[in-house]
Amino acid sequence: MVKEFRVNNLISLRLEDNKTILYVNNQEFKQCKYLLLDIPDDEIEDVQEVKSIDEAAEILDNSMEYDKLGILPEEEFTAHCSNLQAWVENHYNTDLLHRNLAFPLLKILSE
């Protein structure tokens, strides 16, 4: 069974074979994506003043990549859905997604 979440009329995500797949205009969008943040309590002070995901990535040095988070595929799917929904609801604010995902997505959405 494939689980699907529609962010809007152009963006959707599907959980296929325990992998989150992003679609734009019903075409698979092949771009590097992983969940970056799962901030342990002892590191919360380090990111209190963070203004963007890119800034958080620099501070955390990609140490929170998916394989290290230990979350289930369904949890990863839900997190990606939530992140993209927040991004769209906040007028495609590029501070909310990593630049490696936000800008390629904006480019394809503008075509």
PDB file of N, CA and C in Angstrom:
ATOM      1  N   MET A   1       0.833  -1.188   0.000  1.00  0.00           N
ATOM      2  CA  MET A   1       0.000   0.000   0.000  1.00  0.00           C
ATOM      3  C   MET A   1       0.879   1.253   0.000  1.00  0.00           C
ATOM      4  N   VAL A   2       0.561   2.185  -0.874  1.00  0.00           N
ATOM      5  CA  VAL A   2       1.296   3.437  -0.980  1.00  0.00           C
ATOM      6  C   VAL A   2       0.547   4.510  -0.192  1.00  0.00           C
ATOM      7  N   LYS A   3       1.273   5.183   0.676  1.00  0.00           N
ATOM      8  CA  LYS A   3       0.704   6.279   1.443  1.00  0.00           C
ATOM      9  C   LYS A   3       1.034   7.571   0.702  1.00  0.00           C
ATOM     10  N   GLU A   4       0.052   8.465   0.553  1.00  0.00           N
ATOM     11  CA  GLU A   4       0.275   9.704  -0.195  1.00  0.00           C
ATOM     12  C   GLU A   4      -0.223  10.906   0.590  1.00  0.00           C
ATOM     13  N   PHE A   5       0.512  12.020   0.448  1.00  0.00           N
ATOM     14  CA  PHE A   5       0.131  13.294   1.045  1.00  0.00           C
ATOM     15  C   PHE A   5       0.267  14.373  -0.017  1.00  0.00           C
ATOM     16  N   ARG A   6      -0.808  15.118  -0.258  1.00  0.00           N
ATOM     17  CA  ARG A   6      -0.777  16.212  -1.230  1.00  0.00           C
ATOM     18  C   ARG A   6      -0.574  17.521  -0.471  1.00  0.00           C
ATOM     19  N   VAL A   7       0.525  18.186  -0.765  1.00  0.00           N
ATOM     20  CA  VAL A   7       0.831  19.471  -0.148  1.00  0.00           C
ATOM     21  C   VAL A   7      -0.014  20.556  -0.807  1.00  0.00           C
ATOM     22  N   ASN A   8      -0.070  20.513  -2.127  1.00  0.00           N
ATOM     23  CA  ASN A   8      -0.912  21.416  -2.911  1.00  0.00           C
ATOM     24  C   ASN A   8      -1.162  20.754  -4.264  1.00  0.00           C
ATOM     25  N   ASN A   9      -1.646  21.501  -5.243  1.00  0.00           N
ATOM     26  CA  ASN A   9      -1.979  20.881  -6.529  1.00  0.00           C
ATOM     27  C   ASN A   9      -0.747  20.460  -7.329  1.00  0.00           C
ATOM     28  N   LEU A  10       0.448  20.896  -6.939  1.00  0.00           N
ATOM     29  CA  LEU A  10       1.668  20.532  -7.670  1.00  0.00           C
ATOM     30  C   LEU A  10       2.609  19.611  -6.896  1.00  0.00           C
ATOM     31  N   ILE A  11       2.595  19.689  -5.581  1.00  0.00           N
ATOM     32  CA  ILE A  11       3.555  18.947  -4.758  1.00  0.00           C
ATOM     33  C   ILE A  11       2.845  17.848  -3.980  1.00  0.00           C
ATOM     34  N   SER A  12       3.400  16.643  -4.071  1.00  0.00           N
ATOM     35  CA  SER A  12       2.894  15.535  -3.265  1.00  0.00           C
ATOM     36  C   SER A  12       4.063  14.661  -2.833  1.00  0.00           C
ATOM     37  N   LEU A  13       3.831  13.887  -1.801  1.00  0.00           N
ATOM     38  CA  LEU A  13       4.821  12.931  -1.325  1.00  0.00           C
ATOM     39  C   LEU A  13       4.151  11.576  -1.218  1.00  0.00           C
ATOM     40  N   ARG A  14       4.928  10.538  -1.479  1.00  0.00           N
ATOM     41  CA  ARG A  14       4.428   9.171  -1.354  1.00  0.00           C
ATOM     42  C   ARG A  14       5.435   8.346  -0.576  1.00  0.00           C
ATOM     43  N   LEU A  15       4.914   7.477   0.254  1.00  0.00           N
ATOM     44  CA  LEU A  15       5.749   6.505   0.942  1.00  0.00           C
ATOM     45  C   LEU A  15       5.666   5.225   0.130  1.00  0.00           C
ATOM     46  N   GLU A  16       6.745   4.924  -0.588  1.00  0.00           N
ATOM     47  CA  GLU A  16       6.801   3.760  -1.467  1.00  0.00           C
ATOM     48  C   GLU A  16       7.961   2.869  -1.043  1.00  0.00           C
ATOM     49  N   ASP A  17       7.667   1.628  -0.730  1.00  0.00           N
ATOM     50  CA  ASP A  17       8.707   0.691  -0.290  1.00  0.00           C
ATOM     51  C   ASP A  17       9.546   1.288   0.837  1.00  0.00           C
ATOM     52  N   ASN A  18       8.874   1.901   1.790  1.00  0.00           N
ATOM     53  CA  ASN A  18       9.509   2.503   2.969  1.00  0.00           C
ATOM     54  C   ASN A  18      10.450   3.660   2.648  1.00  0.00           C
ATOM     55  N   LYS A  19      10.269   4.287   1.492  1.00  0.00           N
ATOM     56  CA  LYS A  19      11.058   5.459   1.122  1.00  0.00           C
ATOM     57  C   LYS A  19      10.107   6.604   0.783  1.00  0.00           C
ATOM     58  N   THR A  20      10.446   7.785   1.240  1.00  0.00           N
ATOM     59  CA  THR A  20       9.657   8.967   0.920  1.00  0.00           C
ATOM     60  C   THR A  20      10.091   9.491  -0.437  1.00  0.00           C
ATOM     61  N   ILE A  21       9.125   9.575  -1.354  1.00  0.00           N
ATOM     62  CA  ILE A  21       9.377  10.063  -2.706  1.00  0.00           C
ATOM     63  C   ILE A  21       8.594  11.363  -2.886  1.00  0.00           C
ATOM     64  N   LEU A  22       9.282  12.381  -3.360  1.00  0.00           N
ATOM     65  CA  LEU A  22       8.686  13.686  -3.606  1.00  0.00           C
ATOM     66  C   LEU A  22       8.302  13.787  -5.078  1.00  0.00           C
ATOM     67  N   TYR A  23       7.093  14.275  -5.333  1.00  0.00           N
ATOM     68  CA  TYR A  23       6.610  14.454  -6.702  1.00  0.00           C
ATOM     69  C   TYR A  23       6.238  15.915  -6.920  1.00  0.00           C
ATOM     70  N   VAL A  24       6.609  16.426  -8.084  1.00  0.00           N
ATOM     71  CA  VAL A  24       6.192  17.759  -8.515  1.00  0.00           C
ATOM     72  C   VAL A  24       5.491  17.583  -9.847  1.00  0.00           C
ATOM     73  N   ASN A  25       4.230  18.009  -9.891  1.00  0.00           N
ATOM     74  CA  ASN A  25       3.410  17.849 -11.092  1.00  0.00           C
ATOM     75  C   ASN A  25       3.377  16.384 -11.551  1.00  0.00           C
ATOM     76  N   ASN A  26       3.240  15.502 -10.577  1.00  0.00           N
ATOM     77  CA  ASN A  26       3.150  14.046 -10.783  1.00  0.00           C
ATOM     78  C   ASN A  26       4.414  13.412 -11.354  1.00  0.00           C
ATOM     79  N   GLN A  27       5.530  14.127 -11.333  1.00  0.00           N
ATOM     80  CA  GLN A  27       6.821  13.591 -11.769  1.00  0.00           C
ATOM     81  C   GLN A  27       7.733  13.484 -10.544  1.00  0.00           C
ATOM     82  N   GLU A  28       8.419  12.345 -10.432  1.00  0.00           N
ATOM     83  CA  GLU A  28       9.336  12.189  -9.307  1.00  0.00           C
ATOM     84  C   GLU A  28      10.394  13.286  -9.348  1.00  0.00           C
ATOM     85  N   PHE A  29      10.594  13.913  -8.208  1.00  0.00           N
ATOM     86  CA  PHE A  29      11.586  14.975  -8.075  1.00  0.00           C
ATOM     87  C   PHE A  29      12.796  14.368  -7.388  1.00  0.00           C
ATOM     88  N   LYS A  30      13.820  14.113  -8.170  1.00  0.00           N
ATOM     89  CA  LYS A  30      15.004  13.432  -7.649  1.00  0.00           C
ATOM     90  C   LYS A  30      15.999  14.466  -7.150  1.00  0.00           C
ATOM     91  N   GLN A  31      15.962  14.671  -5.881  1.00  0.00           N
ATOM     92  CA  GLN A  31      16.840  15.642  -5.242  1.00  0.00           C
ATOM     93  C   GLN A  31      17.204  15.094  -3.874  1.00  0.00           C
ATOM     94  N   CYS A  32      18.425  15.335  -3.476  1.00  0.00           N
ATOM     95  CA  CYS A  32      18.872  14.874  -2.168  1.00  0.00           C
ATOM     96  C   CYS A  32      17.970  15.468  -1.087  1.00  0.00           C
ATOM     97  N   LYS A  33      17.455  14.607  -0.236  1.00  0.00           N
ATOM     98  CA  LYS A  33      16.649  15.078   0.886  1.00  0.00           C
ATOM     99  C   LYS A  33      16.851  14.131   2.056  1.00  0.00           C
ATOM    100  N   TYR A  34      17.001  14.695   3.206  1.00  0.00           N
ATOM    101  CA  TYR A  34      17.027  13.909   4.429  1.00  0.00           C
ATOM    102  C   TYR A  34      16.612  14.823   5.561  1.00  0.00           C
ATOM    103  N   LEU A  35      16.212  14.214   6.639  1.00  0.00           N
ATOM    104  CA  LEU A  35      15.831  15.006   7.793  1.00  0.00           C
ATOM    105  C   LEU A  35      17.095  15.444   8.506  1.00  0.00           C
ATOM    106  N   LEU A  36      17.174  16.700   8.791  1.00  0.00           N
ATOM    107  CA  LEU A  36      18.391  17.268   9.345  1.00  0.00           C
ATOM    108  C   LEU A  36      18.367  17.341  10.862  1.00  0.00           C
ATOM    109  N   LEU A  37      17.244  17.707  11.427  1.00  0.00           N
ATOM    110  CA  LEU A  37      17.240  18.061  12.835  1.00  0.00           C
ATOM    111  C   LEU A  37      16.476  17.098  13.722  1.00  0.00           C
ATOM    112  N   ASP A  38      17.132  16.671  14.729  1.00  0.00           N
ATOM    113  CA  ASP A  38      16.564  15.986  15.885  1.00  0.00           C
ATOM    114  C   ASP A  38      17.492  16.410  17.007  1.00  0.00           C
ATOM    115  N   ILE A  39      17.225  17.541  17.562  1.00  0.00           N
ATOM    116  CA  ILE A  39      18.188  18.192  18.444  1.00  0.00           C
ATOM    117  C   ILE A  39      18.099  17.625  19.858  1.00  0.00           C
ATOM    118  N   PRO A  40      19.182  17.007  20.320  1.00  0.00           N
ATOM    119  CA  PRO A  40      19.214  16.510  21.700  1.00  0.00           C
ATOM    120  C   PRO A  40      19.144  17.678  22.686  1.00  0.00           C
ATOM    121  N   ASP A  41      18.604  17.415  23.860  1.00  0.00           N
ATOM    122  CA  ASP A  41      18.452  18.460  24.873  1.00  0.00           C
ATOM    123  C   ASP A  41      19.759  19.174  25.183  1.00  0.00           C
ATOM    124  N   ASP A  42      20.864  18.438  25.196  1.00  0.00           N
ATOM    125  CA  ASP A  42      22.136  19.051  25.566  1.00  0.00           C
ATOM    126  C   ASP A  42      22.721  19.934  24.462  1.00  0.00           C
ATOM    127  N   GLU A  43      22.100  19.950  23.272  1.00  0.00           N
ATOM    128  CA  GLU A  43      22.577  20.795  22.175  1.00  0.00           C
ATOM    129  C   GLU A  43      21.602  21.923  21.838  1.00  0.00           C
ATOM    130  N   ILE A  44      20.524  22.030  22.574  1.00  0.00           N
ATOM    131  CA  ILE A  44      19.485  23.014  22.255  1.00  0.00           C
ATOM    132  C   ILE A  44      20.024  24.446  22.333  1.00  0.00           C
ATOM    133  N   GLU A  45      20.947  24.706  23.245  1.00  0.00           N
ATOM    134  CA  GLU A  45      21.543  26.041  23.367  1.00  0.00           C
ATOM    135  C   GLU A  45      22.275  26.443  22.093  1.00  0.00           C
ATOM    136  N   ASP A  46      22.874  25.462  21.403  1.00  0.00           N
ATOM    137  CA  ASP A  46      23.650  25.740  20.194  1.00  0.00           C
ATOM    138  C   ASP A  46      22.796  26.284  19.053  1.00  0.00           C
ATOM    139  N   VAL A  47      21.519  26.000  19.052  1.00  0.00           N
ATOM    140  CA  VAL A  47      20.671  26.377  17.922  1.00  0.00           C
ATOM    141  C   VAL A  47      19.543  27.343  18.295  1.00  0.00           C
ATOM    142  N   GLN A  48      19.603  27.921  19.472  1.00  0.00           N
ATOM    143  CA  GLN A  48      18.557  28.843  19.920  1.00  0.00           C
ATOM    144  C   GLN A  48      18.374  30.029  18.981  1.00  0.00           C
ATOM    145  N   GLU A  49      19.439  30.544  18.437  1.00  0.00           N
ATOM    146  CA  GLU A  49      19.378  31.746  17.611  1.00  0.00           C
ATOM    147  C   GLU A  49      19.420  31.452  16.113  1.00  0.00           C
ATOM    148  N   VAL A  50      19.246  30.218  15.725  1.00  0.00           N
ATOM    149  CA  VAL A  50      19.304  29.824  14.315  1.00  0.00           C
ATOM    150  C   VAL A  50      18.154  30.474  13.558  1.00  0.00           C
ATOM    151  N   LYS A  51      18.472  31.053  12.401  1.00  0.00           N
ATOM    152  CA  LYS A  51      17.466  31.748  11.592  1.00  0.00           C
ATOM    153  C   LYS A  51      17.000  30.930  10.387  1.00  0.00           C
ATOM    154  N   SER A  52      17.753  29.879  10.026  1.00  0.00           N
ATOM    155  CA  SER A  52      17.367  29.093   8.854  1.00  0.00           C
ATOM    156  C   SER A  52      17.874  27.662   8.976  1.00  0.00           C
ATOM    157  N   ILE A  53      17.314  26.791   8.162  1.00  0.00           N
ATOM    158  CA  ILE A  53      17.766  25.404   8.114  1.00  0.00           C
ATOM    159  C   ILE A  53      19.210  25.342   7.637  1.00  0.00           C
ATOM    160  N   ASP A  54      19.588  26.185   6.699  1.00  0.00           N
ATOM    161  CA  ASP A  54      20.968  26.192   6.213  1.00  0.00           C
ATOM    162  C   ASP A  54      21.941  26.538   7.337  1.00  0.00           C
ATOM    163  N   GLU A  55      21.566  27.495   8.157  1.00  0.00           N
ATOM    164  CA  GLU A  55      22.408  27.860   9.297  1.00  0.00           C
ATOM    165  C   GLU A  55      22.496  26.700  10.286  1.00  0.00           C
ATOM    166  N   ALA A  56      21.391  26.021  10.514  1.00  0.00           N
ATOM    167  CA  ALA A  56      21.400  24.853  11.404  1.00  0.00           C
ATOM    168  C   ALA A  56      22.300  23.761  10.850  1.00  0.00           C
ATOM    169  N   ALA A  57      22.275  23.574   9.540  1.00  0.00           N
ATOM    170  CA  ALA A  57      23.122  22.556   8.908  1.00  0.00           C
ATOM    171  C   ALA A  57      24.595  22.860   9.138  1.00  0.00           C
ATOM    172  N   GLU A  58      24.953  24.133   9.065  1.00  0.00           N
ATOM    173  CA  GLU A  58      26.346  24.513   9.306  1.00  0.00           C
ATOM    174  C   GLU A  58      26.741  24.253  10.752  1.00  0.00           C
ATOM    175  N   ILE A  59      25.865  24.588  11.678  1.00  0.00           N
ATOM    176  CA  ILE A  59      26.159  24.391  13.098  1.00  0.00           C
ATOM    177  C   ILE A  59      26.258  22.910  13.437  1.00  0.00           C
ATOM    178  N   LEU A  60      25.306  22.128  12.930  1.00  0.00           N
ATOM    179  CA  LEU A  60      25.261  20.702  13.262  1.00  0.00           C
ATOM    180  C   LEU A  60      26.136  19.860  12.354  1.00  0.00           C
ATOM    181  N   ASP A  61      26.663  20.447  11.277  1.00  0.00           N
ATOM    182  CA  ASP A  61      27.591  19.759  10.376  1.00  0.00           C
ATOM    183  C   ASP A  61      27.007  18.453   9.846  1.00  0.00           C
ATOM    184  N   ASN A  62      25.723  18.460   9.474  1.00  0.00           N
ATOM    185  CA  ASN A  62      25.036  17.291   8.902  1.00  0.00           C
ATOM    186  C   ASN A  62      25.106  16.059   9.792  1.00  0.00           C
ATOM    187  N   SER A  63      25.300  16.248  11.071  1.00  0.00           N
ATOM    188  CA  SER A  63      25.443  15.104  11.970  1.00  0.00           C
ATOM    189  C   SER A  63      24.126  14.402  12.248  1.00  0.00           C
ATOM    190  N   MET A  64      23.031  14.950  11.766  1.00  0.00           N
ATOM    191  CA  MET A  64      21.727  14.369  12.052  1.00  0.00           C
ATOM    192  C   MET A  64      21.083  13.748  10.823  1.00  0.00           C
ATOM    193  N   GLU A  65      21.873  13.222   9.914  1.00  0.00           N
ATOM    194  CA  GLU A  65      21.306  12.599   8.731  1.00  0.00           C
ATOM    195  C   GLU A  65      20.410  11.434   9.135  1.00  0.00           C
ATOM    196  N   TYR A  66      19.452  11.109   8.278  1.00  0.00           N
ATOM    197  CA  TYR A  66      18.405  10.138   8.551  1.00  0.00           C
ATOM    198  C   TYR A  66      18.913   8.836   9.149  1.00  0.00           C
ATOM    199  N   ASP A  67      19.971   8.266   8.574  1.00  0.00           N
ATOM    200  CA  ASP A  67      20.450   6.974   9.047  1.00  0.00           C
ATOM    201  C   ASP A  67      20.818   7.009  10.520  1.00  0.00           C
ATOM    202  N   LYS A  68      21.171   8.166  11.015  1.00  0.00           N
ATOM    203  CA  LYS A  68      21.587   8.293  12.402  1.00  0.00           C
ATOM    204  C   LYS A  68      20.434   8.652  13.332  1.00  0.00           C
ATOM    205  N   LEU A  69      19.295   9.030  12.778  1.00  0.00           N
ATOM    206  CA  LEU A  69      18.172   9.443  13.612  1.00  0.00           C
ATOM    207  C   LEU A  69      17.455   8.266  14.248  1.00  0.00           C
ATOM    208  N   GLY A  70      17.443   7.130  13.584  1.00  0.00           N
ATOM    209  CA  GLY A  70      16.773   5.962  14.126  1.00  0.00           C
ATOM    210  C   GLY A  70      15.259   6.088  14.150  1.00  0.00           C
ATOM    211  N   ILE A  71      14.676   6.699  13.127  1.00  0.00           N
ATOM    212  CA  ILE A  71      13.220   6.824  13.073  1.00  0.00           C
ATOM    213  C   ILE A  71      12.664   5.877  12.020  1.00  0.00           C
ATOM    214  N   LEU A  72      11.403   5.559  12.172  1.00  0.00           N
ATOM    215  CA  LEU A  72      10.729   4.663  11.237  1.00  0.00           C
ATOM    216  C   LEU A  72      10.443   5.381   9.920  1.00  0.00           C
ATOM    217  N   PRO A  73      10.341   4.636   8.823  1.00  0.00           N
ATOM    218  CA  PRO A  73      10.026   5.249   7.527  1.00  0.00           C
ATOM    219  C   PRO A  73       8.741   6.078   7.560  1.00  0.00           C
ATOM    220  N   GLU A  74       7.730   5.620   8.305  1.00  0.00           N
ATOM    221  CA  GLU A  74       6.473   6.364   8.403  1.00  0.00           C
ATOM    222  C   GLU A  74       6.680   7.699   9.119  1.00  0.00           C
ATOM    223  N   GLU A  75       7.564   7.708  10.111  1.00  0.00           N
ATOM    224  CA  GLU A  75       7.863   8.948  10.827  1.00  0.00           C
ATOM    225  C   GLU A  75       8.632   9.913   9.927  1.00  0.00           C
ATOM    226  N   GLU A  76       9.549   9.382   9.144  1.00  0.00           N
ATOM    227  CA  GLU A  76      10.288  10.212   8.192  1.00  0.00           C
ATOM    228  C   GLU A  76       9.320  10.822   7.176  1.00  0.00           C
ATOM    229  N   PHE A  77       8.392  10.005   6.666  1.00  0.00           N
ATOM    230  CA  PHE A  77       7.397  10.472   5.704  1.00  0.00           C
ATOM    231  C   PHE A  77       6.578  11.620   6.301  1.00  0.00           C
ATOM    232  N   THR A  78       6.091  11.434   7.510  1.00  0.00           N
ATOM    233  CA  THR A  78       5.288  12.455   8.175  1.00  0.00           C
ATOM    234  C   THR A  78       6.083  13.741   8.371  1.00  0.00           C
ATOM    235  N   ALA A  79       7.351  13.616   8.736  1.00  0.00           N
ATOM    236  CA  ALA A  79       8.194  14.797   8.934  1.00  0.00           C
ATOM    237  C   ALA A  79       8.408  15.545   7.620  1.00  0.00           C
ATOM    238  N   HIS A  80       8.682  14.815   6.535  1.00  0.00           N
ATOM    239  CA  HIS A  80       8.849  15.470   5.232  1.00  0.00           C
ATOM    240  C   HIS A  80       7.552  16.169   4.815  1.00  0.00           C
ATOM    241  N   CYS A  81       6.423  15.507   5.025  1.00  0.00           N
ATOM    242  CA  CYS A  81       5.127  16.114   4.688  1.00  0.00           C
ATOM    243  C   CYS A  81       4.924  17.409   5.471  1.00  0.00           C
ATOM    244  N   SER A  82       5.208  17.354   6.757  1.00  0.00           N
ATOM    245  CA  SER A  82       5.047  18.520   7.616  1.00  0.00           C
ATOM    246  C   SER A  82       5.966  19.660   7.186  1.00  0.00           C
ATOM    247  N   ASN A  83       7.220  19.331   6.883  1.00  0.00           N
ATOM    248  CA  ASN A  83       8.183  20.354   6.466  1.00  0.00           C
ATOM    249  C   ASN A  83       7.754  21.038   5.173  1.00  0.00           C
ATOM    250  N   LEU A  84       7.327  20.250   4.198  1.00  0.00           N
ATOM    251  CA  LEU A  84       6.923  20.832   2.913  1.00  0.00           C
ATOM    252  C   LEU A  84       5.619  21.610   3.034  1.00  0.00           C
ATOM    253  N   GLN A  85       4.704  21.131   3.863  1.00  0.00           N
ATOM    254  CA  GLN A  85       3.463  21.862   4.073  1.00  0.00           C
ATOM    255  C   GLN A  85       3.754  23.216   4.729  1.00  0.00           C
ATOM    256  N   ALA A  86       4.626  23.229   5.730  1.00  0.00           N
ATOM    257  CA  ALA A  86       4.994  24.490   6.386  1.00  0.00           C
ATOM    258  C   ALA A  86       5.671  25.434   5.401  1.00  0.00           C
ATOM    259  N   TRP A  87       6.524  24.889   4.541  1.00  0.00           N
ATOM    260  CA  TRP A  87       7.225  25.694   3.533  1.00  0.00           C
ATOM    261  C   TRP A  87       6.220  26.371   2.599  1.00  0.00           C
ATOM    262  N   VAL A  88       5.250  25.608   2.110  1.00  0.00           N
ATOM    263  CA  VAL A  88       4.231  26.153   1.204  1.00  0.00           C
ATOM    264  C   VAL A  88       3.347  27.163   1.937  1.00  0.00           C
ATOM    265  N   GLU A  89       2.898  26.811   3.147  1.00  0.00           N
ATOM    266  CA  GLU A  89       2.021  27.708   3.906  1.00  0.00           C
ATOM    267  C   GLU A  89       2.711  29.020   4.272  1.00  0.00           C
ATOM    268  N   ASN A  90       4.034  29.006   4.301  1.00  0.00           N
ATOM    269  CA  ASN A  90       4.800  30.212   4.614  1.00  0.00           C
ATOM    270  C   ASN A  90       5.376  30.850   3.359  1.00  0.00           C
ATOM    271  N   HIS A  91       4.629  30.709   2.271  1.00  0.00           N
ATOM    272  CA  HIS A  91       4.947  31.382   1.007  1.00  0.00           C
ATOM    273  C   HIS A  91       6.323  31.001   0.465  1.00  0.00           C
ATOM    274  N   TYR A  92       6.644  29.703   0.573  1.00  0.00           N
ATOM    275  CA  TYR A  92       7.885  29.150   0.004  1.00  0.00           C
ATOM    276  C   TYR A  92       9.127  29.824   0.595  1.00  0.00           C
ATOM    277  N   ASN A  93       9.064  30.073   1.889  1.00  0.00           N
ATOM    278  CA  ASN A  93      10.163  30.704   2.616  1.00  0.00           C
ATOM    279  C   ASN A  93      11.386  29.788   2.588  1.00  0.00           C
ATOM    280  N   THR A  94      12.441  30.246   1.937  1.00  0.00           N
ATOM    281  CA  THR A  94      13.630  29.406   1.754  1.00  0.00           C
ATOM    282  C   THR A  94      14.415  29.189   3.044  1.00  0.00           C
ATOM    283  N   ASP A  95      14.060  29.879   4.115  1.00  0.00           N
ATOM    284  CA  ASP A  95      14.694  29.608   5.407  1.00  0.00           C
ATOM    285  C   ASP A  95      14.186  28.309   6.023  1.00  0.00           C
ATOM    286  N   LEU A  96      13.052  27.814   5.536  1.00  0.00           N
ATOM    287  CA  LEU A  96      12.426  26.645   6.153  1.00  0.00           C
ATOM    288  C   LEU A  96      12.872  25.312   5.570  1.00  0.00           C
ATOM    289  N   LEU A  97      13.475  25.326   4.393  1.00  0.00           N
ATOM    290  CA  LEU A  97      14.025  24.106   3.785  1.00  0.00           C
ATOM    291  C   LEU A  97      15.491  24.346   3.467  1.00  0.00           C
ATOM    292  N   HIS A  98      16.259  23.289   3.455  1.00  0.00           N
ATOM    293  CA  HIS A  98      17.672  23.412   3.081  1.00  0.00           C
ATOM    294  C   HIS A  98      17.763  23.924   1.650  1.00  0.00           C
ATOM    295  N   ARG A  99      18.760  24.744   1.384  1.00  0.00           N
ATOM    296  CA  ARG A  99      18.917  25.359   0.056  1.00  0.00           C
ATOM    297  C   ARG A  99      19.037  24.327  -1.056  1.00  0.00           C
ATOM    298  N   ASN A 100      19.586  23.150  -0.749  1.00  0.00           N
ATOM    299  CA  ASN A 100      19.735  22.101  -1.766  1.00  0.00           C
ATOM    300  C   ASN A 100      18.395  21.516  -2.204  1.00  0.00           C
ATOM    301  N   LEU A 101      17.359  21.754  -1.428  1.00  0.00           N
ATOM    302  CA  LEU A 101      16.019  21.311  -1.796  1.00  0.00           C
ATOM    303  C   LEU A 101      15.142  22.500  -2.189  1.00  0.00           C
ATOM    304  N   ALA A 102      15.203  23.578  -1.416  1.00  0.00           N
ATOM    305  CA  ALA A 102      14.310  24.722  -1.643  1.00  0.00           C
ATOM    306  C   ALA A 102      14.483  25.346  -3.025  1.00  0.00           C
ATOM    307  N   PHE A 103      15.712  25.622  -3.420  1.00  0.00           N
ATOM    308  CA  PHE A 103      15.916  26.341  -4.678  1.00  0.00           C
ATOM    309  C   PHE A 103      15.648  25.482  -5.914  1.00  0.00           C
ATOM    310  N   PRO A 104      16.067  24.225  -5.945  1.00  0.00           N
ATOM    311  CA  PRO A 104      15.670  23.390  -7.088  1.00  0.00           C
ATOM    312  C   PRO A 104      14.148  23.211  -7.174  1.00  0.00           C
ATOM    313  N   LEU A 105      13.490  23.114  -6.023  1.00  0.00           N
ATOM    314  CA  LEU A 105      12.026  23.018  -6.032  1.00  0.00           C
ATOM    315  C   LEU A 105      11.404  24.299  -6.581  1.00  0.00           C
ATOM    316  N   LEU A 106      11.881  25.438  -6.129  1.00  0.00           N
ATOM    317  CA  LEU A 106      11.359  26.708  -6.641  1.00  0.00           C
ATOM    318  C   LEU A 106      11.573  26.830  -8.142  1.00  0.00           C
ATOM    319  N   LYS A 107      12.713  26.379  -8.605  1.00  0.00           N
ATOM    320  CA  LYS A 107      13.012  26.455 -10.042  1.00  0.00           C
ATOM    321  C   LYS A 107      12.008  25.644 -10.847  1.00  0.00           C
ATOM    322  N   ILE A 108      11.779  24.403 -10.442  1.00  0.00           N
ATOM    323  CA  ILE A 108      10.857  23.557 -11.208  1.00  0.00           C
ATOM    324  C   ILE A 108       9.416  24.043 -11.062  1.00  0.00           C
ATOM    325  N   LEU A 109       9.063  24.592  -9.914  1.00  0.00           N
ATOM    326  CA  LEU A 109       7.710  25.116  -9.727  1.00  0.00           C
ATOM    327  C   LEU A 109       7.461  26.361 -10.579  1.00  0.00           C
ATOM    328  N   SER A 110       8.516  27.093 -10.888  1.00  0.00           N
ATOM    329  CA  SER A 110       8.356  28.317 -11.678  1.00  0.00           C
ATOM    330  C   SER A 110       8.322  28.051 -13.180  1.00  0.00           C
ATOM    331  N   GLU A 111       8.637  26.839 -13.591  1.00  0.00           N
ATOM    332  CA  GLU A 111       8.662  26.515 -15.028  1.00  0.00           C
ATOM    333  C   GLU A 111       7.272  26.270 -15.568  1.00  0.00           C
TER     334      GLU A 111
END
